[in-house]
Protein backbone atom coordinates (compact mmCIF):
# COMPACT_ATOMS: atom_id res chain seq x y z
CA MET A 1 0.06 0.04 0.23
CA GLN A 2 2.60 2.87 0.27
CA PRO A 3 2.90 3.05 -2.61
CA LEU A 4 -0.61 3.49 -3.50
CA SER A 5 -0.29 6.57 -1.62
CA HIS A 6 3.10 7.84 -2.43
CA VAL A 7 1.45 8.16 -5.65
CA VAL A 8 -2.21 9.99 -5.12
CA LYS A 9 -0.76 11.42 -1.99
CA ILE A 10 2.78 12.98 -3.46
CA SER A 11 2.97 12.17 -7.11
CA VAL A 12 -0.06 12.88 -8.47
CA PRO A 13 -0.42 16.73 -6.10
CA ASN A 14 3.27 16.85 -7.46
CA TYR A 15 2.42 17.08 -11.62
CA LEU A 16 -1.33 18.15 -11.11
CA SER A 17 0.75 20.71 -9.59
CA SER A 18 3.70 21.66 -11.93
CA LEU A 19 1.53 22.30 -14.66
CA PRO A 20 1.39 25.18 -16.27
CA ILE A 21 -2.30 25.94 -15.84
CA PRO A 22 -2.75 29.39 -16.70
CA ASP A 23 -5.56 31.96 -14.07
CA SER A 24 -7.96 33.45 -17.10
CA ILE A 25 -8.71 33.12 -20.68
CA GLY A 26 -6.28 34.86 -22.13
CA GLY A 27 -3.56 33.18 -19.55
CA TRP A 28 -3.84 30.24 -22.47
CA PHE A 29 -3.14 32.56 -25.32
CA ARG A 30 0.23 33.66 -23.60
CA LEU A 31 1.35 29.29 -23.21
CA GLY A 32 5.09 28.96 -24.39
CA PHE A 33 5.77 26.19 -26.93
CA ARG A 34 6.82 24.32 -24.05
CA ASP A 35 3.88 24.17 -21.23
CA TRP A 36 1.62 23.29 -24.43
CA LEU A 37 3.97 19.88 -24.65
CA ALA A 38 3.65 19.39 -20.50
CA LEU A 39 0.21 19.18 -20.88
CA VAL A 40 -0.37 16.90 -23.36
CA PRO A 41 0.20 13.83 -21.69
CA PHE A 42 -2.74 15.37 -18.37
CA GLY A 43 -4.39 15.19 -22.07
CA ALA A 44 -4.74 12.71 -23.20
CA ALA A 45 -5.19 10.57 -20.23
CA VAL A 46 -7.52 12.92 -19.16
CA GLY A 47 -8.94 12.40 -22.75
CA GLY A 48 -8.48 8.88 -22.49
CA LEU A 49 -9.80 8.50 -18.70
CA GLY A 50 -13.26 10.35 -20.58
CA TYR A 51 -13.04 8.28 -23.10
CA MET A 52 -13.70 4.93 -21.69
CA SER A 53 -15.28 6.24 -19.63
CA TYR A 54 -18.02 6.70 -22.55
CA ARG A 55 -17.36 3.44 -23.38
CA ALA A 56 -18.14 2.08 -19.44
CA PHE A 57 -21.10 3.85 -19.19
CA CYS A 58 -22.89 4.44 -22.75
CA PRO A 59 -22.07 0.50 -23.87
CA LYS A 60 -24.87 1.09 -26.86
CA ALA A 61 -24.46 4.25 -27.95
CA HIS A 62 -22.84 3.07 -31.57
CA GLU A 63 -24.85 0.65 -31.43
CA LYS A 64 -27.51 3.38 -31.38
CA VAL A 65 -27.10 5.14 -34.02
CA LYS A 66 -26.60 1.77 -36.04
CA VAL A 67 -30.47 0.28 -35.39
CA ILE A 68 -31.14 4.81 -36.08
CA LEU A 69 -28.87 4.30 -39.44
CA GLN A 70 -30.78 1.49 -40.34
CA ILE A 71 -34.24 2.56 -39.84
CA TYR A 72 -33.64 5.68 -41.21
CA PRO A 73 -31.40 5.84 -44.24
CA PHE A 74 -30.92 9.06 -45.35
CA ASN A 75 -31.52 7.25 -49.08
CA LYS A 76 -34.44 5.88 -49.21
CA LYS A 77 -35.59 5.66 -53.49
CA ILE A 78 -32.78 6.59 -55.10
CA LYS A 79 -31.19 2.69 -56.14
CA GLY A 80 -31.31 1.12 -53.45
CA ASP A 81 -29.62 -1.93 -53.03
CA SER A 82 -26.21 -0.57 -54.29
CA LYS A 83 -23.82 -0.81 -51.10
CA LYS A 84 -22.35 2.70 -52.71
CA VAL A 85 -24.34 5.45 -55.15
CA VAL A 86 -22.01 7.18 -57.52
CA ASP A 87 -22.87 8.80 -59.61
CA PHE A 88 -20.77 10.18 -63.14
CA ILE A 89 -21.55 13.30 -65.15
CA GLU A 90 -19.22 13.53 -68.15
CA ILE A 91 -18.09 17.13 -67.93
CA GLU A 92 -19.29 17.59 -71.79
CA ASP A 93 -23.06 16.94 -71.13
CA ILE A 94 -22.64 20.16 -69.20
CA THR A 95 -23.90 22.83 -71.27
CA GLU A 96 -23.70 25.85 -68.88
CA LYS A 97 -23.93 25.02 -65.26
CA ALA A 98 -25.69 21.59 -63.66
CA SER A 99 -27.13 21.41 -59.97
CA LEU A 100 -26.31 18.46 -58.45
CA CYS A 101 -28.77 16.94 -54.88
CA ARG A 102 -27.32 16.61 -52.09
CA CYS A 103 -30.71 15.71 -49.81
CA TRP A 104 -31.24 12.42 -51.34
CA LYS A 105 -34.93 13.64 -52.03
CA SER A 106 -34.60 14.57 -55.79
CA GLU A 107 -37.84 13.33 -58.45
CA LYS A 108 -34.63 13.93 -60.87
CA TRP A 109 -31.57 12.60 -59.53
CA PRO A 110 -28.59 13.26 -59.80
CA TYR A 111 -29.43 16.96 -60.46
CA CYS A 112 -31.51 18.69 -57.58
CA ASP A 113 -34.91 19.56 -58.33
CA GLY A 114 -35.04 21.96 -55.74
CA ALA A 115 -36.43 18.91 -52.71
CA HIS A 116 -34.46 20.73 -50.39
CA GLY A 117 -36.53 23.17 -49.67
CA PRO A 118 -38.74 22.03 -47.23
CA HIS A 119 -37.08 19.34 -45.85
CA ASN A 120 -35.03 22.98 -45.22
CA ARG A 121 -38.24 24.16 -44.30
CA LEU A 122 -39.24 21.78 -41.98
CA THR A 123 -36.59 20.83 -39.83
CA GLY A 124 -34.54 24.13 -40.38
CA ASP A 125 -31.44 22.80 -42.18
CA ASN A 126 -29.77 24.83 -44.06
CA LEU A 127 -29.25 21.65 -47.62
CA GLY A 128 -28.62 22.90 -51.04
CA PRO A 129 -27.44 20.86 -54.34
CA VAL A 130 -23.76 21.06 -55.54
CA VAL A 131 -23.88 23.23 -59.00
CA VAL A 132 -21.34 22.08 -61.67
CA ARG A 133 -19.98 24.85 -64.13
CA HIS A 134 -18.02 25.83 -66.72
CA LYS A 135 -15.31 28.37 -65.97
CA GLN A 136 -15.43 30.90 -69.20
CA LYS A 137 -11.92 31.17 -70.90
CA PRO A 138 -11.60 34.24 -71.67
CA GLU A 139 -11.05 35.37 -74.66
CA ALA A 140 -7.71 36.81 -76.52
């Protein structure tokens, strides 16, 4: 018990008191490289303990996310039998510009038809299309 007592009563408090933790928010901006380097092991230990605690007390959190994604897939109608949806559009096929759908709700997939608008109003989201356009070359 002597070594454990020494670690808890002397080593850890000495280590913590030697950390360059500033007294104010502005003090964080005045820390030097060596100060930040001294904080790395402490930050890694706290992050590791936090992660292990999260995994211990929330063991089903990752499973819940997987179940939710299976119940509520984002893409509900476009090539649902494919493992991954990939479309190719030749740049030559685009005359001036093309709006490509990112919300998976367009009836004209892969082109945008504005179906993201009702979704944005309902959810407060900010989805919009990807616009691809030809850059006009300057005439000589």
